[in-house]
């Protein structure tokens, strides 16, 4: 199934994580955050940008605080736990 940003906007919280992952290269991060219910794992893998000094003008946007503003069902603690596990 091919999903575009227009599909996400027209169908909030409709698409599974699996479908979103299959279409990740066609989707805008901001639209994903604003329209779909995401998991911490998905956000860390595809949205979170911890390298805020990489020169990209948008990189600062995709920090944990920004993600939590849109994904209110997630917690800072969930991010901390998974990020620590990834470093081991």
N, C-alpha and C. Protein backbone atom coordinates (compact mmCIF):
# COMPACT_ATOMS: atom_id res chain seq x y z
N UNK A 1 0.85 -1.18 0.00
CA UNK A 1 0.00 0.00 0.00
C UNK A 1 0.89 1.24 0.00
N UNK A 2 0.69 2.11 -0.96
CA UNK A 2 1.43 3.36 -1.03
C UNK A 2 0.67 4.45 -0.27
N UNK A 3 1.35 5.05 0.69
CA UNK A 3 0.74 6.09 1.52
C UNK A 3 1.53 7.37 1.32
N UNK A 4 0.81 8.47 1.16
CA UNK A 4 1.43 9.78 0.99
C UNK A 4 1.04 10.69 2.15
N UNK A 5 1.65 11.86 2.20
CA UNK A 5 1.29 12.84 3.23
C UNK A 5 -0.20 13.19 3.16
N UNK A 6 -0.74 13.26 1.96
CA UNK A 6 -2.17 13.57 1.81
C UNK A 6 -3.04 12.50 2.48
N UNK A 7 -2.63 11.24 2.36
CA UNK A 7 -3.37 10.16 3.03
C UNK A 7 -3.33 10.34 4.55
N UNK A 8 -2.16 10.69 5.07
CA UNK A 8 -2.02 10.88 6.52
C UNK A 8 -2.93 12.00 7.02
N UNK A 9 -2.95 13.09 6.28
CA UNK A 9 -3.77 14.25 6.67
C UNK A 9 -5.26 13.90 6.62
N UNK A 10 -5.66 13.17 5.60
CA UNK A 10 -7.07 12.82 5.42
C UNK A 10 -7.53 11.73 6.38
N UNK A 11 -6.59 10.95 6.91
CA UNK A 11 -6.93 9.80 7.75
C UNK A 11 -6.11 9.77 9.04
N UNK A 12 -6.37 10.68 9.95
CA UNK A 12 -5.58 10.72 11.19
C UNK A 12 -5.65 9.40 11.96
N UNK A 13 -4.52 8.99 12.47
CA UNK A 13 -4.40 7.79 13.31
C UNK A 13 -4.91 6.51 12.65
N UNK A 14 -4.86 6.45 11.35
CA UNK A 14 -5.38 5.28 10.64
C UNK A 14 -4.32 4.22 10.37
N UNK A 15 -3.11 4.61 10.11
CA UNK A 15 -2.12 3.69 9.57
C UNK A 15 -1.29 3.00 10.64
N UNK A 16 -1.04 1.72 10.42
CA UNK A 16 -0.23 0.95 11.35
C UNK A 16 1.24 1.35 11.22
N UNK A 17 2.00 1.04 12.25
CA UNK A 17 3.44 1.31 12.23
C UNK A 17 4.08 0.59 11.05
N UNK A 18 3.65 -0.62 10.77
CA UNK A 18 4.19 -1.39 9.65
C UNK A 18 3.99 -0.66 8.32
N UNK A 19 2.80 -0.15 8.09
CA UNK A 19 2.51 0.60 6.85
C UNK A 19 3.34 1.88 6.79
N UNK A 20 3.45 2.56 7.91
CA UNK A 20 4.24 3.80 7.95
C UNK A 20 5.71 3.51 7.66
N UNK A 21 6.23 2.42 8.21
CA UNK A 21 7.63 2.06 7.95
C UNK A 21 7.85 1.73 6.47
N UNK A 22 6.90 1.07 5.86
CA UNK A 22 7.02 0.72 4.44
C UNK A 22 7.03 1.96 3.55
N UNK A 23 6.45 3.04 4.03
CA UNK A 23 6.32 4.26 3.24
C UNK A 23 7.15 5.42 3.78
N UNK A 24 8.04 5.16 4.71
CA UNK A 24 8.74 6.22 5.43
C UNK A 24 9.46 7.20 4.51
N UNK A 25 9.98 6.74 3.40
CA UNK A 25 10.73 7.63 2.50
C UNK A 25 9.82 8.57 1.71
N UNK A 26 8.52 8.33 1.75
CA UNK A 26 7.55 9.18 1.05
C UNK A 26 6.86 10.16 1.99
N UNK A 27 7.17 10.09 3.28
CA UNK A 27 6.39 10.83 4.27
C UNK A 27 7.20 11.92 4.96
N UNK A 28 6.53 13.01 5.25
CA UNK A 28 7.13 14.15 5.94
C UNK A 28 7.06 13.90 7.45
N UNK A 29 8.17 14.11 8.15
CA UNK A 29 8.23 13.86 9.59
C UNK A 29 7.20 14.69 10.37
N UNK A 30 7.07 15.94 10.01
CA UNK A 30 6.14 16.82 10.73
C UNK A 30 4.70 16.33 10.57
N UNK A 31 4.36 15.92 9.37
CA UNK A 31 3.00 15.42 9.12
C UNK A 31 2.77 14.11 9.86
N UNK A 32 3.77 13.24 9.87
CA UNK A 32 3.68 11.99 10.64
C UNK A 32 3.38 12.29 12.11
N UNK A 33 4.16 13.18 12.69
CA UNK A 33 3.98 13.51 14.10
C UNK A 33 2.60 14.09 14.39
N UNK A 34 2.11 14.91 13.50
CA UNK A 34 0.86 15.62 13.73
C UNK A 34 -0.38 14.77 13.45
N UNK A 35 -0.25 13.72 12.65
CA UNK A 35 -1.46 13.01 12.21
C UNK A 35 -1.57 11.56 12.65
N UNK A 36 -0.47 10.94 13.05
CA UNK A 36 -0.51 9.51 13.36
C UNK A 36 -0.06 9.24 14.79
N UNK A 37 -0.60 8.19 15.38
CA UNK A 37 -0.18 7.76 16.71
C UNK A 37 1.03 6.85 16.53
N UNK A 38 2.17 7.30 17.03
CA UNK A 38 3.43 6.60 16.81
C UNK A 38 3.94 5.96 18.09
N UNK A 39 4.86 5.03 17.95
CA UNK A 39 5.50 4.40 19.11
C UNK A 39 6.83 5.09 19.38
N UNK A 40 7.34 4.89 20.58
CA UNK A 40 8.65 5.43 20.92
C UNK A 40 9.70 4.85 19.99
N UNK A 41 9.62 3.55 19.74
CA UNK A 41 10.59 2.90 18.85
C UNK A 41 10.60 3.54 17.47
N UNK A 42 9.42 3.78 16.92
CA UNK A 42 9.31 4.41 15.60
C UNK A 42 9.91 5.81 15.63
N UNK A 43 9.57 6.58 16.66
CA UNK A 43 10.07 7.95 16.76
C UNK A 43 11.59 7.98 16.86
N UNK A 44 12.17 7.08 17.64
CA UNK A 44 13.63 7.05 17.77
C UNK A 44 14.28 6.65 16.46
N UNK A 45 13.72 5.67 15.80
CA UNK A 45 14.32 5.15 14.56
C UNK A 45 14.20 6.12 13.39
N UNK A 46 13.05 6.79 13.27
CA UNK A 46 12.79 7.56 12.06
C UNK A 46 12.68 9.08 12.24
N UNK A 47 12.45 9.55 13.45
CA UNK A 47 12.18 10.98 13.62
C UNK A 47 13.19 11.70 14.50
N UNK A 48 13.53 11.13 15.62
CA UNK A 48 14.43 11.78 16.57
C UNK A 48 15.77 12.10 15.94
N UNK A 49 16.22 13.32 16.15
CA UNK A 49 17.53 13.75 15.65
C UNK A 49 18.31 14.33 16.82
N UNK A 50 19.22 13.53 17.37
CA UNK A 50 20.02 13.97 18.51
C UNK A 50 21.22 14.79 18.09
N UNK A 51 21.53 14.81 16.80
CA UNK A 51 22.68 15.54 16.29
C UNK A 51 22.25 16.94 15.89
N UNK A 52 21.91 17.76 16.90
CA UNK A 52 21.34 19.07 16.61
C UNK A 52 22.34 20.07 16.06
N UNK A 53 23.60 19.73 16.09
CA UNK A 53 24.61 20.65 15.57
C UNK A 53 25.13 20.25 14.20
N UNK A 54 24.33 19.50 13.45
CA UNK A 54 24.81 19.00 12.16
C UNK A 54 24.66 20.01 11.03
N UNK A 55 24.15 21.21 11.35
CA UNK A 55 24.05 22.25 10.34
C UNK A 55 22.70 22.32 9.64
N UNK A 56 21.86 21.32 9.83
CA UNK A 56 20.55 21.33 9.20
C UNK A 56 19.64 22.31 9.94
N UNK A 57 18.96 23.15 9.20
CA UNK A 57 18.11 24.14 9.86
C UNK A 57 16.91 23.51 10.54
N UNK A 58 16.51 22.30 10.14
CA UNK A 58 15.36 21.62 10.74
C UNK A 58 15.75 20.65 11.85
N UNK A 59 17.02 20.40 12.04
CA UNK A 59 17.43 19.34 12.97
C UNK A 59 16.98 19.59 14.40
N UNK A 60 16.94 20.86 14.81
CA UNK A 60 16.55 21.16 16.18
C UNK A 60 15.11 20.78 16.46
N UNK A 61 14.31 20.72 15.46
CA UNK A 61 12.88 20.46 15.64
C UNK A 61 12.63 19.05 16.17
N UNK A 62 13.40 18.10 15.74
CA UNK A 62 13.09 16.70 16.01
C UNK A 62 13.76 16.18 17.27
N UNK A 63 13.66 16.95 18.35
CA UNK A 63 14.17 16.47 19.63
C UNK A 63 13.01 15.84 20.41
N UNK A 64 13.32 15.29 21.57
CA UNK A 64 12.31 14.59 22.36
C UNK A 64 11.16 15.52 22.74
N UNK A 65 11.46 16.75 23.14
CA UNK A 65 10.41 17.68 23.53
C UNK A 65 9.43 17.95 22.39
N UNK A 66 9.96 18.14 21.20
CA UNK A 66 9.10 18.41 20.04
C UNK A 66 8.21 17.20 19.75
N UNK A 67 8.79 16.02 19.79
CA UNK A 67 8.02 14.80 19.54
C UNK A 67 6.91 14.65 20.59
N UNK A 68 7.24 14.87 21.85
CA UNK A 68 6.25 14.73 22.92
C UNK A 68 5.12 15.74 22.82
N UNK A 69 5.37 16.90 22.23
CA UNK A 69 4.30 17.88 22.01
C UNK A 69 3.19 17.30 21.14
N UNK A 70 3.55 16.47 20.19
CA UNK A 70 2.57 15.88 19.27
C UNK A 70 2.11 14.50 19.72
N UNK A 71 3.00 13.74 20.27
CA UNK A 71 2.70 12.36 20.68
C UNK A 71 2.50 12.32 22.19
N UNK A 72 1.37 12.85 22.63
CA UNK A 72 1.13 13.05 24.06
C UNK A 72 0.95 11.74 24.82
N UNK A 73 0.74 10.64 24.14
CA UNK A 73 0.60 9.34 24.79
C UNK A 73 1.97 8.76 25.17
N UNK A 74 3.05 9.34 24.66
CA UNK A 74 4.40 8.88 24.97
C UNK A 74 4.95 9.66 26.15
N UNK A 75 6.00 9.10 26.78
CA UNK A 75 6.61 9.79 27.93
C UNK A 75 8.12 9.95 27.72
N UNK A 76 8.64 10.94 28.39
CA UNK A 76 10.09 11.19 28.36
C UNK A 76 10.83 9.96 28.90
N UNK A 77 10.26 9.32 29.91
CA UNK A 77 10.90 8.14 30.51
C UNK A 77 11.04 7.02 29.48
N UNK A 78 10.03 6.81 28.66
CA UNK A 78 10.11 5.77 27.62
C UNK A 78 11.27 6.06 26.66
N UNK A 79 11.43 7.31 26.30
CA UNK A 79 12.55 7.68 25.42
C UNK A 79 13.88 7.41 26.11
N UNK A 80 13.99 7.83 27.37
CA UNK A 80 15.24 7.63 28.12
C UNK A 80 15.61 6.16 28.19
N UNK A 81 14.64 5.33 28.53
CA UNK A 81 14.91 3.89 28.68
C UNK A 81 15.38 3.27 27.38
N UNK A 82 14.72 3.58 26.29
CA UNK A 82 15.11 3.00 25.00
C UNK A 82 16.44 3.54 24.50
N UNK A 83 16.68 4.81 24.71
CA UNK A 83 17.95 5.39 24.27
C UNK A 83 19.12 4.81 25.06
N UNK A 84 18.92 4.54 26.34
CA UNK A 84 19.97 3.92 27.15
C UNK A 84 20.23 2.50 26.65
N UNK A 85 19.17 1.76 26.35
CA UNK A 85 19.33 0.39 25.84
C UNK A 85 20.07 0.36 24.52
N UNK A 86 19.82 1.33 23.66
CA UNK A 86 20.50 1.38 22.36
C UNK A 86 21.99 1.64 22.51
N UNK A 87 22.40 2.30 23.58
CA UNK A 87 23.81 2.63 23.77
C UNK A 87 24.60 1.46 24.33
N UNK A 88 23.92 0.45 24.86
CA UNK A 88 24.61 -0.70 25.47
C UNK A 88 25.15 -1.61 24.40
